[in-house]
N, C-alpha and C. Protein backbone atom coordinates (compact mmCIF):
# COMPACT_ATOMS: atom_id res chain seq x y z
N UNK A 1 82.46 132.22 -68.00
CA UNK A 1 82.08 130.98 -67.32
C UNK A 1 81.21 131.29 -66.11
N UNK A 2 80.20 130.48 -65.93
CA UNK A 2 79.36 130.55 -64.73
C UNK A 2 79.65 129.32 -63.89
N UNK A 3 79.95 129.53 -62.61
CA UNK A 3 80.39 128.44 -61.74
C UNK A 3 79.59 128.43 -60.45
N UNK A 4 79.11 127.26 -60.07
CA UNK A 4 78.38 127.08 -58.82
C UNK A 4 79.38 126.89 -57.68
N UNK A 5 79.32 127.76 -56.67
CA UNK A 5 80.23 127.69 -55.53
C UNK A 5 79.54 127.15 -54.28
N UNK A 6 78.42 126.45 -54.49
CA UNK A 6 77.52 126.06 -53.40
C UNK A 6 77.60 124.58 -53.08
N UNK A 7 77.63 124.26 -51.81
CA UNK A 7 77.56 122.86 -51.39
C UNK A 7 76.11 122.37 -51.44
N UNK A 8 75.95 121.13 -51.84
CA UNK A 8 74.62 120.53 -51.85
C UNK A 8 74.15 120.25 -50.43
N UNK A 9 72.87 120.47 -50.18
CA UNK A 9 72.29 120.20 -48.87
C UNK A 9 71.39 118.97 -48.96
N UNK A 10 71.62 118.01 -48.10
CA UNK A 10 70.81 116.80 -48.06
C UNK A 10 70.79 116.22 -46.67
N UNK A 11 70.18 115.08 -46.51
CA UNK A 11 70.07 114.46 -45.19
C UNK A 11 71.43 114.10 -44.58
N UNK A 12 72.45 113.95 -45.44
CA UNK A 12 73.77 113.55 -44.93
C UNK A 12 74.75 114.72 -44.86
N UNK A 13 74.27 115.95 -45.04
CA UNK A 13 75.14 117.12 -44.99
C UNK A 13 75.72 117.31 -43.59
N UNK A 14 77.03 117.52 -43.52
CA UNK A 14 77.67 117.78 -42.24
C UNK A 14 77.32 119.18 -41.76
N UNK A 15 77.12 119.30 -40.44
CA UNK A 15 76.73 120.60 -39.88
C UNK A 15 77.67 120.98 -38.75
N UNK A 16 77.67 122.26 -38.43
CA UNK A 16 78.48 122.77 -37.33
C UNK A 16 78.06 122.07 -36.04
N UNK A 17 79.04 121.66 -35.22
CA UNK A 17 78.70 120.96 -33.96
C UNK A 17 77.67 121.73 -33.13
N UNK A 18 76.64 121.03 -32.71
CA UNK A 18 75.56 121.66 -31.94
C UNK A 18 74.36 122.05 -32.79
N UNK A 19 74.53 122.06 -34.11
CA UNK A 19 73.42 122.38 -35.01
C UNK A 19 72.68 121.10 -35.40
N UNK A 20 71.39 121.21 -35.69
CA UNK A 20 70.65 120.00 -36.09
C UNK A 20 70.99 119.61 -37.51
N UNK A 21 71.13 118.32 -37.80
CA UNK A 21 71.35 117.90 -39.19
C UNK A 21 70.10 118.16 -40.00
N UNK A 22 70.25 118.50 -41.28
CA UNK A 22 69.06 118.75 -42.10
C UNK A 22 68.25 117.47 -42.30
N UNK A 23 66.96 117.65 -42.42
CA UNK A 23 66.07 116.50 -42.61
C UNK A 23 65.04 116.84 -43.68
N UNK A 24 65.03 116.05 -44.74
CA UNK A 24 64.03 116.18 -45.80
C UNK A 24 62.92 115.17 -45.52
N UNK A 25 61.71 115.64 -45.38
CA UNK A 25 60.57 114.79 -45.04
C UNK A 25 59.56 114.82 -46.18
N UNK A 26 59.23 113.67 -46.70
CA UNK A 26 58.23 113.60 -47.76
C UNK A 26 56.88 114.08 -47.25
N UNK A 27 56.27 115.00 -47.96
CA UNK A 27 54.98 115.56 -47.55
C UNK A 27 53.84 115.06 -48.43
N UNK A 28 54.05 115.09 -49.73
CA UNK A 28 53.07 114.51 -50.65
C UNK A 28 53.80 113.62 -51.65
N UNK A 29 53.06 112.66 -52.21
CA UNK A 29 53.65 111.73 -53.17
C UNK A 29 52.86 111.77 -54.48
N UNK A 30 53.59 111.60 -55.56
CA UNK A 30 52.97 111.64 -56.88
C UNK A 30 51.86 110.62 -57.03
N UNK A 31 52.11 109.39 -56.52
CA UNK A 31 51.12 108.32 -56.72
C UNK A 31 49.90 108.43 -55.81
N UNK A 32 49.97 109.35 -54.84
CA UNK A 32 48.84 109.54 -53.91
C UNK A 32 48.16 110.89 -54.13
N UNK A 33 48.97 111.94 -54.26
CA UNK A 33 48.42 113.30 -54.32
C UNK A 33 48.55 113.95 -55.70
N UNK A 34 49.14 113.24 -56.64
CA UNK A 34 49.38 113.74 -58.01
C UNK A 34 50.49 114.77 -58.09
N UNK A 35 51.21 114.98 -57.01
CA UNK A 35 52.40 115.85 -57.07
C UNK A 35 53.31 115.52 -55.90
N UNK A 36 54.60 115.81 -56.10
CA UNK A 36 55.59 115.59 -55.05
C UNK A 36 55.90 116.90 -54.32
N UNK A 37 56.09 116.82 -53.01
CA UNK A 37 56.60 117.95 -52.23
C UNK A 37 57.24 117.41 -50.96
N UNK A 38 58.03 118.25 -50.34
CA UNK A 38 58.72 117.82 -49.13
C UNK A 38 58.82 118.98 -48.14
N UNK A 39 59.02 118.62 -46.89
CA UNK A 39 59.26 119.57 -45.81
C UNK A 39 60.74 119.47 -45.44
N UNK A 40 61.37 120.62 -45.18
CA UNK A 40 62.78 120.63 -44.81
C UNK A 40 62.93 121.19 -43.40
N UNK A 41 63.67 120.47 -42.56
CA UNK A 41 64.02 120.95 -41.23
C UNK A 41 65.53 121.11 -41.17
N UNK A 42 65.99 122.34 -40.93
CA UNK A 42 67.44 122.55 -40.84
C UNK A 42 67.72 123.93 -40.25
N UNK A 43 68.95 124.09 -39.78
CA UNK A 43 69.42 125.39 -39.31
C UNK A 43 69.52 126.35 -40.48
N UNK A 44 69.33 127.63 -40.21
CA UNK A 44 69.51 128.65 -41.26
C UNK A 44 70.99 128.84 -41.59
N UNK A 45 71.88 128.16 -40.85
CA UNK A 45 73.32 128.24 -41.10
C UNK A 45 73.86 126.90 -41.57
N UNK A 46 73.10 126.25 -42.46
CA UNK A 46 73.47 124.95 -43.00
C UNK A 46 74.16 125.11 -44.35
N UNK A 47 75.20 124.30 -44.58
CA UNK A 47 75.86 124.30 -45.88
C UNK A 47 76.48 125.64 -46.23
N UNK A 48 76.47 125.98 -47.50
CA UNK A 48 76.93 127.29 -47.94
C UNK A 48 75.87 128.30 -47.54
N UNK A 49 76.23 129.24 -46.67
CA UNK A 49 75.21 130.12 -46.12
C UNK A 49 75.74 131.52 -45.84
N UNK A 50 74.83 132.42 -45.63
CA UNK A 50 75.16 133.81 -45.30
C UNK A 50 74.76 134.11 -43.86
N UNK A 51 75.67 134.77 -43.13
CA UNK A 51 75.36 135.27 -41.80
C UNK A 51 74.88 136.72 -41.92
N UNK A 52 73.70 136.98 -41.40
CA UNK A 52 73.23 138.36 -41.31
C UNK A 52 73.87 139.03 -40.10
N UNK A 53 73.94 140.36 -40.06
CA UNK A 53 74.51 141.05 -38.90
C UNK A 53 73.87 140.65 -37.58
N UNK A 54 72.58 140.31 -37.60
CA UNK A 54 71.87 139.96 -36.36
C UNK A 54 72.33 138.63 -35.78
N UNK A 55 73.16 137.88 -36.52
CA UNK A 55 73.66 136.60 -36.02
C UNK A 55 74.49 136.78 -34.74
N UNK A 56 75.24 137.89 -34.69
CA UNK A 56 76.07 138.14 -33.51
C UNK A 56 75.97 139.58 -32.99
N UNK A 57 75.29 140.44 -33.72
CA UNK A 57 75.20 141.85 -33.31
C UNK A 57 73.77 142.19 -32.95
N UNK A 58 73.55 142.66 -31.74
CA UNK A 58 72.20 143.03 -31.30
C UNK A 58 71.73 144.28 -32.03
N UNK A 59 70.43 144.37 -32.23
CA UNK A 59 69.82 145.51 -32.92
C UNK A 59 70.41 145.72 -34.31
N UNK A 60 70.76 144.62 -34.97
CA UNK A 60 71.34 144.69 -36.31
C UNK A 60 70.38 144.04 -37.32
N UNK A 61 70.70 144.17 -38.58
CA UNK A 61 69.82 143.70 -39.65
C UNK A 61 69.70 142.18 -39.67
N UNK A 62 68.47 141.69 -39.77
CA UNK A 62 68.23 140.28 -40.02
C UNK A 62 68.32 140.05 -41.53
N UNK A 63 68.30 138.80 -41.94
CA UNK A 63 68.57 138.46 -43.33
C UNK A 63 67.56 139.09 -44.29
N UNK A 64 66.33 139.25 -43.86
CA UNK A 64 65.30 139.81 -44.74
C UNK A 64 65.39 141.32 -44.88
N UNK A 65 66.20 141.97 -44.05
CA UNK A 65 66.32 143.43 -44.08
C UNK A 65 67.53 143.91 -44.87
N UNK A 66 68.32 142.99 -45.36
CA UNK A 66 69.52 143.38 -46.12
C UNK A 66 69.12 143.76 -47.55
N UNK A 67 69.64 144.85 -48.05
CA UNK A 67 69.33 145.30 -49.40
C UNK A 67 69.75 144.26 -50.43
N UNK A 68 68.87 143.98 -51.38
CA UNK A 68 69.20 142.99 -52.42
C UNK A 68 70.37 143.46 -53.28
N UNK A 69 70.65 144.75 -53.28
CA UNK A 69 71.79 145.27 -54.05
C UNK A 69 73.10 144.66 -53.58
N UNK A 70 73.14 144.21 -52.33
CA UNK A 70 74.37 143.67 -51.78
C UNK A 70 74.61 142.22 -52.17
N UNK A 71 73.60 141.59 -52.77
CA UNK A 71 73.71 140.18 -53.10
C UNK A 71 74.36 139.92 -54.46
N UNK A 72 74.60 140.98 -55.23
CA UNK A 72 75.34 140.88 -56.49
C UNK A 72 76.47 141.88 -56.39
N UNK A 73 77.71 141.38 -56.42
CA UNK A 73 78.83 142.23 -56.06
C UNK A 73 80.07 141.89 -56.87
N UNK A 74 80.91 142.89 -57.07
CA UNK A 74 82.25 142.60 -57.58
C UNK A 74 83.01 141.84 -56.51
N UNK A 75 83.60 140.72 -56.89
CA UNK A 75 84.31 139.88 -55.93
C UNK A 75 85.78 139.76 -56.30
N UNK A 76 86.60 139.64 -55.27
CA UNK A 76 88.03 139.47 -55.44
C UNK A 76 88.45 138.18 -54.76
N UNK A 77 89.08 137.29 -55.52
CA UNK A 77 89.54 136.01 -54.99
C UNK A 77 90.96 136.16 -54.47
N UNK A 78 91.16 135.81 -53.20
CA UNK A 78 92.49 135.83 -52.59
C UNK A 78 92.83 134.41 -52.16
N UNK A 79 93.86 133.85 -52.78
CA UNK A 79 94.27 132.47 -52.48
C UNK A 79 95.39 132.48 -51.44
N UNK A 80 95.08 131.99 -50.26
CA UNK A 80 96.06 131.86 -49.19
C UNK A 80 95.85 130.49 -48.55
N UNK A 81 96.68 129.53 -48.92
CA UNK A 81 96.51 128.17 -48.40
C UNK A 81 96.75 128.15 -46.90
N UNK A 82 95.81 127.51 -46.19
CA UNK A 82 95.92 127.43 -44.73
C UNK A 82 95.60 126.01 -44.25
N UNK A 83 96.28 125.63 -43.17
CA UNK A 83 96.04 124.32 -42.57
C UNK A 83 95.27 124.44 -41.28
N UNK A 84 95.35 123.40 -40.49
CA UNK A 84 94.58 123.28 -39.26
C UNK A 84 94.74 124.49 -38.33
N UNK A 85 93.61 125.16 -38.07
CA UNK A 85 93.52 126.28 -37.12
C UNK A 85 94.45 127.46 -37.44
N UNK A 86 94.92 127.53 -38.67
CA UNK A 86 95.77 128.66 -39.05
C UNK A 86 94.94 129.88 -39.40
N UNK A 87 95.57 131.06 -39.28
CA UNK A 87 94.88 132.33 -39.48
C UNK A 87 95.39 133.07 -40.72
N UNK A 88 94.47 133.72 -41.41
CA UNK A 88 94.81 134.65 -42.48
C UNK A 88 95.02 136.01 -41.83
N UNK A 89 96.18 136.60 -42.02
CA UNK A 89 96.52 137.86 -41.36
C UNK A 89 96.38 139.05 -42.29
N UNK A 90 96.32 140.22 -41.70
CA UNK A 90 96.27 141.46 -42.48
C UNK A 90 97.53 141.58 -43.34
N UNK A 91 98.67 141.19 -42.78
CA UNK A 91 99.93 141.26 -43.53
C UNK A 91 99.84 140.43 -44.81
N UNK A 92 99.26 139.24 -44.73
CA UNK A 92 99.14 138.37 -45.91
C UNK A 92 98.22 138.97 -46.96
N UNK A 93 97.15 139.62 -46.51
CA UNK A 93 96.25 140.28 -47.46
C UNK A 93 96.98 141.41 -48.16
N UNK A 94 97.69 142.23 -47.40
CA UNK A 94 98.45 143.34 -47.99
C UNK A 94 99.54 142.83 -48.92
N UNK A 95 100.20 141.74 -48.53
CA UNK A 95 101.29 141.18 -49.32
C UNK A 95 100.81 140.61 -50.66
N UNK A 96 99.52 140.33 -50.76
CA UNK A 96 98.97 139.81 -52.02
C UNK A 96 98.91 140.89 -53.10
N UNK A 97 99.09 142.15 -52.69
CA UNK A 97 99.10 143.28 -53.63
C UNK A 97 97.81 143.38 -54.45
N UNK A 98 96.72 143.01 -53.82
CA UNK A 98 95.42 143.09 -54.48
C UNK A 98 94.72 144.38 -54.08
N UNK A 99 94.25 145.10 -55.08
CA UNK A 99 93.58 146.37 -54.82
C UNK A 99 92.14 146.10 -54.39
N UNK A 100 91.80 146.52 -53.19
CA UNK A 100 90.46 146.33 -52.64
C UNK A 100 89.75 147.67 -52.60
N UNK A 101 88.59 147.74 -53.24
CA UNK A 101 87.81 148.97 -53.29
C UNK A 101 86.60 148.86 -52.35
N UNK A 102 86.11 150.01 -51.93
CA UNK A 102 84.91 150.04 -51.10
C UNK A 102 83.76 149.34 -51.82
N UNK A 103 83.07 148.46 -51.10
CA UNK A 103 81.94 147.74 -51.68
C UNK A 103 82.30 146.42 -52.33
N UNK A 104 83.59 146.08 -52.41
CA UNK A 104 83.98 144.79 -52.96
C UNK A 104 83.62 143.67 -51.99
N UNK A 105 83.48 142.47 -52.53
CA UNK A 105 83.31 141.27 -51.72
C UNK A 105 84.61 140.47 -51.81
N UNK A 106 85.15 140.09 -50.67
CA UNK A 106 86.42 139.38 -50.62
C UNK A 106 86.16 137.89 -50.41
N UNK A 107 86.75 137.07 -51.27
CA UNK A 107 86.56 135.63 -51.22
C UNK A 107 87.91 134.96 -50.96
N UNK A 108 88.03 134.27 -49.84
CA UNK A 108 89.28 133.61 -49.47
C UNK A 108 89.22 132.12 -49.84
N UNK A 109 90.23 131.70 -50.60
CA UNK A 109 90.40 130.29 -50.91
C UNK A 109 91.58 129.77 -50.10
N UNK A 110 91.29 128.94 -49.10
CA UNK A 110 92.35 128.39 -48.23
C UNK A 110 92.67 126.94 -48.59
N UNK A 111 91.88 126.36 -49.50
CA UNK A 111 91.92 124.94 -49.87
C UNK A 111 91.36 124.04 -48.78
N UNK A 112 90.82 124.64 -47.70
CA UNK A 112 90.22 123.81 -46.66
C UNK A 112 88.96 123.10 -47.16
N UNK A 113 88.38 123.59 -48.22
CA UNK A 113 87.19 122.92 -48.78
C UNK A 113 87.49 121.46 -49.13
N UNK A 114 88.76 121.16 -49.39
CA UNK A 114 89.14 119.79 -49.73
C UNK A 114 89.11 118.84 -48.53
N UNK A 115 88.96 119.40 -47.32
CA UNK A 115 88.96 118.59 -46.10
C UNK A 115 87.54 118.25 -45.63
N UNK A 116 86.54 118.48 -46.46
CA UNK A 116 85.14 118.35 -46.08
C UNK A 116 84.80 116.97 -45.50
N UNK A 117 85.46 115.92 -45.94
CA UNK A 117 85.14 114.58 -45.46
C UNK A 117 85.91 114.17 -44.21
N UNK A 118 86.74 115.07 -43.70
CA UNK A 118 87.53 114.76 -42.52
C UNK A 118 86.76 115.09 -41.24
N UNK A 119 86.98 114.33 -40.19
CA UNK A 119 86.29 114.54 -38.92
C UNK A 119 86.60 115.93 -38.33
N UNK A 120 87.78 116.44 -38.64
CA UNK A 120 88.21 117.71 -38.08
C UNK A 120 87.84 118.92 -38.93
N UNK A 121 86.99 118.73 -39.94
CA UNK A 121 86.64 119.82 -40.86
C UNK A 121 86.14 121.05 -40.12
N UNK A 122 85.31 120.87 -39.11
CA UNK A 122 84.77 122.00 -38.35
C UNK A 122 85.71 122.41 -37.21
N UNK A 123 86.20 121.45 -36.47
CA UNK A 123 86.95 121.75 -35.25
C UNK A 123 88.33 122.34 -35.50
N UNK A 124 88.92 122.08 -36.67
CA UNK A 124 90.28 122.53 -36.94
C UNK A 124 90.37 123.50 -38.12
N UNK A 125 89.25 124.05 -38.54
CA UNK A 125 89.24 124.87 -39.74
C UNK A 125 90.02 126.18 -39.57
N UNK A 126 90.66 126.66 -40.64
CA UNK A 126 91.33 127.96 -40.59
C UNK A 126 90.32 129.09 -40.66
N UNK A 127 90.77 130.30 -40.35
CA UNK A 127 89.88 131.46 -40.39
C UNK A 127 90.67 132.75 -40.48
N UNK A 128 90.00 133.85 -40.26
CA UNK A 128 90.63 135.17 -40.30
C UNK A 128 91.17 135.56 -38.94
N UNK A 129 92.31 136.23 -38.95
CA UNK A 129 92.81 136.86 -37.73
C UNK A 129 92.03 138.15 -37.49
N UNK A 130 92.01 138.60 -36.25
CA UNK A 130 91.28 139.83 -35.94
C UNK A 130 91.86 141.02 -36.69
N UNK A 131 93.18 141.06 -36.88
CA UNK A 131 93.74 142.20 -37.60
C UNK A 131 93.33 142.19 -39.07
N UNK A 132 93.09 140.99 -39.63
CA UNK A 132 92.60 140.89 -41.00
C UNK A 132 91.17 141.42 -41.10
N UNK A 133 90.35 141.07 -40.11
CA UNK A 133 88.97 141.57 -40.08
C UNK A 133 88.95 143.10 -39.99
N UNK A 134 89.79 143.64 -39.12
CA UNK A 134 89.85 145.10 -38.97
C UNK A 134 90.35 145.77 -40.24
N UNK A 135 91.29 145.13 -40.91
CA UNK A 135 91.81 145.65 -42.18
C UNK A 135 90.69 145.75 -43.22
N UNK A 136 89.86 144.71 -43.30
CA UNK A 136 88.76 144.69 -44.28
C UNK A 136 87.64 145.65 -43.87
N UNK A 137 87.45 145.82 -42.58
CA UNK A 137 86.47 146.81 -42.11
C UNK A 137 86.90 148.21 -42.56
N UNK A 138 88.18 148.50 -42.43
CA UNK A 138 88.69 149.81 -42.86
C UNK A 138 88.56 150.01 -44.36
N UNK A 139 88.57 148.92 -45.11
CA UNK A 139 88.39 148.98 -46.56
C UNK A 139 86.91 149.13 -46.95
N UNK A 140 86.02 148.97 -45.97
CA UNK A 140 84.57 149.10 -46.18
C UNK A 140 84.06 148.11 -47.23
N UNK A 141 84.45 146.85 -47.06
CA UNK A 141 84.02 145.82 -48.01
C UNK A 141 82.55 145.48 -47.79
N UNK A 142 81.95 144.86 -48.79
CA UNK A 142 80.54 144.47 -48.74
C UNK A 142 80.35 143.18 -47.95
N UNK A 143 81.24 142.21 -48.21
CA UNK A 143 81.11 140.89 -47.59
C UNK A 143 82.47 140.21 -47.56
N UNK A 144 82.61 139.26 -46.64
CA UNK A 144 83.81 138.44 -46.56
C UNK A 144 83.37 136.98 -46.64
N UNK A 145 83.95 136.24 -47.57
CA UNK A 145 83.54 134.86 -47.84
C UNK A 145 84.74 133.94 -47.72
N UNK A 146 84.48 132.67 -47.39
CA UNK A 146 85.58 131.73 -47.18
C UNK A 146 85.12 130.31 -47.50
N UNK A 147 86.09 129.45 -47.83
CA UNK A 147 85.78 128.06 -48.15
C UNK A 147 85.86 127.14 -46.94
N UNK A 148 86.07 127.69 -45.77
CA UNK A 148 86.01 126.89 -44.54
C UNK A 148 84.62 127.06 -43.93
N UNK A 149 84.26 126.26 -42.91
CA UNK A 149 82.91 126.33 -42.38
C UNK A 149 82.63 127.52 -41.49
N UNK A 150 83.69 128.28 -41.14
CA UNK A 150 83.51 129.45 -40.29
C UNK A 150 84.55 130.49 -40.63
N UNK A 151 84.19 131.76 -40.51
CA UNK A 151 85.15 132.84 -40.72
C UNK A 151 86.14 132.91 -39.56
N UNK A 152 85.75 132.38 -38.40
CA UNK A 152 86.66 132.22 -37.27
C UNK A 152 87.28 130.83 -37.35
N UNK A 153 88.53 130.70 -36.92
CA UNK A 153 89.13 129.37 -36.93
C UNK A 153 88.41 128.45 -35.95
N UNK A 154 88.53 127.15 -36.20
CA UNK A 154 87.76 126.16 -35.45
C UNK A 154 87.98 126.18 -33.96
N UNK A 155 89.18 126.57 -33.52
CA UNK A 155 89.48 126.55 -32.09
C UNK A 155 89.01 127.80 -31.36
N UNK A 156 88.45 128.79 -32.10
CA UNK A 156 88.01 130.05 -31.48
C UNK A 156 86.53 129.99 -31.12
N UNK A 157 86.26 129.77 -29.86
CA UNK A 157 84.86 129.68 -29.41
C UNK A 157 84.28 131.04 -29.06
N UNK A 158 85.08 132.11 -29.18
CA UNK A 158 84.59 133.45 -28.87
C UNK A 158 83.97 134.13 -30.09
N UNK A 159 84.22 133.56 -31.29
CA UNK A 159 83.69 134.10 -32.54
C UNK A 159 84.04 135.58 -32.71
N UNK A 160 85.29 135.90 -32.42
CA UNK A 160 85.74 137.30 -32.42
C UNK A 160 85.58 137.96 -33.78
N UNK A 161 85.92 137.25 -34.85
CA UNK A 161 85.85 137.84 -36.19
C UNK A 161 84.40 138.02 -36.63
N UNK A 162 83.55 137.05 -36.32
CA UNK A 162 82.12 137.23 -36.58
C UNK A 162 81.63 138.55 -35.98
N UNK A 163 81.96 138.75 -34.71
CA UNK A 163 81.48 139.93 -33.99
C UNK A 163 82.03 141.23 -34.59
N UNK A 164 83.28 141.21 -34.98
CA UNK A 164 83.89 142.40 -35.58
C UNK A 164 83.19 142.77 -36.89
N UNK A 165 83.08 141.80 -37.79
CA UNK A 165 82.52 142.09 -39.11
C UNK A 165 81.03 142.41 -39.06
N UNK A 166 80.28 141.58 -38.34
CA UNK A 166 78.82 141.77 -38.33
C UNK A 166 78.41 143.03 -37.60
N UNK A 167 79.19 143.47 -36.62
CA UNK A 167 78.86 144.72 -35.92
C UNK A 167 79.00 145.92 -36.84
N UNK A 168 79.73 145.74 -37.95
CA UNK A 168 79.88 146.81 -38.95
C UNK A 168 79.02 146.55 -40.19
N UNK A 169 78.06 145.62 -40.04
CA UNK A 169 77.11 145.29 -41.11
C UNK A 169 77.81 144.70 -42.34
N UNK A 170 78.96 144.08 -42.15
CA UNK A 170 79.65 143.39 -43.24
C UNK A 170 79.16 141.94 -43.26
N UNK A 171 78.65 141.51 -44.39
CA UNK A 171 78.08 140.18 -44.52
C UNK A 171 79.17 139.11 -44.50
N UNK A 172 78.81 137.92 -44.05
CA UNK A 172 79.73 136.79 -44.01
C UNK A 172 79.11 135.63 -44.78
N UNK A 173 79.89 135.03 -45.65
CA UNK A 173 79.47 133.81 -46.36
C UNK A 173 80.50 132.72 -46.07
N UNK A 174 80.01 131.56 -45.65
CA UNK A 174 80.89 130.46 -45.25
C UNK A 174 80.58 129.19 -46.03
N UNK A 175 81.60 128.31 -46.08
CA UNK A 175 81.43 126.98 -46.67
C UNK A 175 81.26 127.02 -48.19
N UNK A 176 82.01 127.89 -48.85
CA UNK A 176 82.03 127.88 -50.31
C UNK A 176 82.82 126.68 -50.81
N UNK A 177 82.65 126.36 -52.08
CA UNK A 177 83.41 125.28 -52.69
C UNK A 177 83.69 125.62 -54.15
N UNK A 178 84.50 124.81 -54.79
CA UNK A 178 84.85 124.97 -56.21
C UNK A 178 85.65 126.23 -56.53
N UNK A 179 86.25 126.84 -55.52
CA UNK A 179 87.01 128.06 -55.77
C UNK A 179 88.24 127.79 -56.63
N UNK A 180 88.75 126.56 -56.59
CA UNK A 180 89.93 126.21 -57.41
C UNK A 180 89.60 126.18 -58.90
N UNK A 181 88.32 126.19 -59.24
CA UNK A 181 87.91 126.14 -60.65
C UNK A 181 87.80 127.53 -61.27
N UNK A 182 87.92 128.57 -60.44
CA UNK A 182 87.84 129.93 -60.96
C UNK A 182 89.12 130.27 -61.72
N UNK A 183 88.96 130.88 -62.87
CA UNK A 183 90.11 131.28 -63.69
C UNK A 183 90.52 132.72 -63.44
N UNK A 184 89.62 133.50 -62.86
CA UNK A 184 89.85 134.94 -62.72
C UNK A 184 89.96 135.33 -61.25
N UNK A 185 90.78 136.34 -60.99
CA UNK A 185 90.88 136.88 -59.64
C UNK A 185 89.70 137.79 -59.34
N UNK A 186 89.18 138.45 -60.37
CA UNK A 186 88.01 139.33 -60.24
C UNK A 186 86.84 138.73 -60.98
N UNK A 187 85.70 138.69 -60.33
CA UNK A 187 84.50 138.13 -60.94
C UNK A 187 83.27 138.73 -60.27
N UNK A 188 82.12 138.45 -60.82
CA UNK A 188 80.87 138.86 -60.20
C UNK A 188 80.35 137.70 -59.35
N UNK A 189 80.00 138.00 -58.10
CA UNK A 189 79.47 136.97 -57.21
C UNK A 189 78.00 137.25 -56.92
N UNK A 190 77.18 136.25 -57.19
CA UNK A 190 75.76 136.29 -56.83
C UNK A 190 75.61 135.41 -55.60
N UNK A 191 75.06 135.97 -54.53
CA UNK A 191 74.90 135.21 -53.28
C UNK A 191 73.50 135.52 -52.74
N UNK A 192 72.56 134.69 -53.10
CA UNK A 192 71.15 134.99 -52.86
C UNK A 192 70.57 134.17 -51.71
N UNK A 193 70.32 134.81 -50.55
CA UNK A 193 69.68 134.11 -49.44
C UNK A 193 68.16 134.11 -49.59
N UNK A 194 67.50 133.23 -48.87
CA UNK A 194 66.04 133.29 -48.79
C UNK A 194 65.64 134.50 -47.95
N UNK A 195 64.48 135.05 -48.24
CA UNK A 195 63.98 136.21 -47.48
C UNK A 195 63.20 135.68 -46.28
N UNK A 196 63.95 135.28 -45.25
CA UNK A 196 63.38 134.66 -44.06
C UNK A 196 63.16 135.72 -42.99
N UNK A 197 61.94 135.95 -42.62
CA UNK A 197 61.59 137.03 -41.69
C UNK A 197 62.30 136.89 -40.35
N UNK A 198 63.10 137.88 -40.01
CA UNK A 198 63.75 137.94 -38.72
C UNK A 198 64.90 136.96 -38.52
N UNK A 199 65.31 136.24 -39.56
CA UNK A 199 66.32 135.19 -39.41
C UNK A 199 67.74 135.77 -39.34
N UNK A 200 68.62 135.04 -38.66
CA UNK A 200 70.01 135.46 -38.49
C UNK A 200 70.90 135.00 -39.63
N UNK A 201 70.35 134.26 -40.56
CA UNK A 201 71.12 133.79 -41.70
C UNK A 201 70.25 132.98 -42.63
N UNK A 202 70.86 132.49 -43.71
CA UNK A 202 70.12 131.68 -44.67
C UNK A 202 71.09 130.91 -45.55
N UNK A 203 70.73 129.66 -45.89
CA UNK A 203 71.48 129.00 -46.96
C UNK A 203 71.37 129.86 -48.22
N UNK A 204 72.42 129.84 -49.03
CA UNK A 204 72.41 130.63 -50.26
C UNK A 204 72.78 129.76 -51.45
N UNK A 205 72.50 130.26 -52.63
CA UNK A 205 73.08 129.72 -53.86
C UNK A 205 74.15 130.72 -54.28
N UNK A 206 75.40 130.32 -54.19
CA UNK A 206 76.52 131.20 -54.53
C UNK A 206 76.96 130.89 -55.96
N UNK A 207 76.96 131.90 -56.81
CA UNK A 207 77.27 131.71 -58.23
C UNK A 207 78.30 132.73 -58.66
N UNK A 208 79.38 132.24 -59.26
CA UNK A 208 80.41 133.13 -59.80
C UNK A 208 80.20 133.31 -61.29
N UNK A 209 80.25 134.56 -61.74
CA UNK A 209 80.17 134.87 -63.16
C UNK A 209 81.47 135.57 -63.53
N UNK A 210 82.30 134.90 -64.30
CA UNK A 210 83.58 135.48 -64.65
C UNK A 210 83.41 136.56 -65.72
N UNK A 211 84.32 137.50 -65.74
CA UNK A 211 84.18 138.72 -66.55
C UNK A 211 84.10 138.42 -68.05
N UNK A 212 84.72 137.34 -68.47
CA UNK A 212 84.73 137.05 -69.90
C UNK A 212 83.50 136.27 -70.36
N UNK A 213 82.52 136.11 -69.44
CA UNK A 213 81.32 135.38 -69.80
C UNK A 213 80.40 136.23 -70.67
N UNK A 214 79.87 135.63 -71.72
CA UNK A 214 78.87 136.30 -72.55
C UNK A 214 77.84 135.27 -72.98
N UNK A 215 76.59 135.68 -73.01
CA UNK A 215 75.49 134.79 -73.38
C UNK A 215 75.62 134.43 -74.85
N UNK A 216 75.55 133.15 -75.17
CA UNK A 216 75.64 132.70 -76.57
C UNK A 216 74.25 132.71 -77.20
């Protein structure tokens, strides 16, 4: 099975407080110019997106400098339901008895994606505890992904987990969806950002390819 884990981006897409809402502007029209096109104005951290190390780490890789090899990865789904401002701890990751190998991408399903229409979606979102981030750093993972809007919980304005992971060149993907539709704990994750020169992040198309998938 191939599954889209990406949120749609449009004029009504909710954004992190302080970020500009996306705006689609008609540039050409079929009845005037013989073709349609549009201009998009939005933050590089809109919707389902990837944080490059340069987002919080100085002298670190921008999104265009990351090796494309890292955008297709073995992924491990870890389901840990979390509520308002709750943290995923290292103990909970260890207790899941999931084998994590160097270079794996870890995907956390907290079920917070179901709160997308709530006013508190950003301000009260769950995230990783610092000890969980350090645990994954020691495992030398490729990326850490989550279905909440931030890898840090909503009440953490210091962005401690962002800083820990990105300083070690570990990629962050936020605002995934449809994780409840995955049948497998292990799958291939495609997470392709735009090659934006010098940018600290990019919206991505996140696609899960489950192991039992074969082209018909």
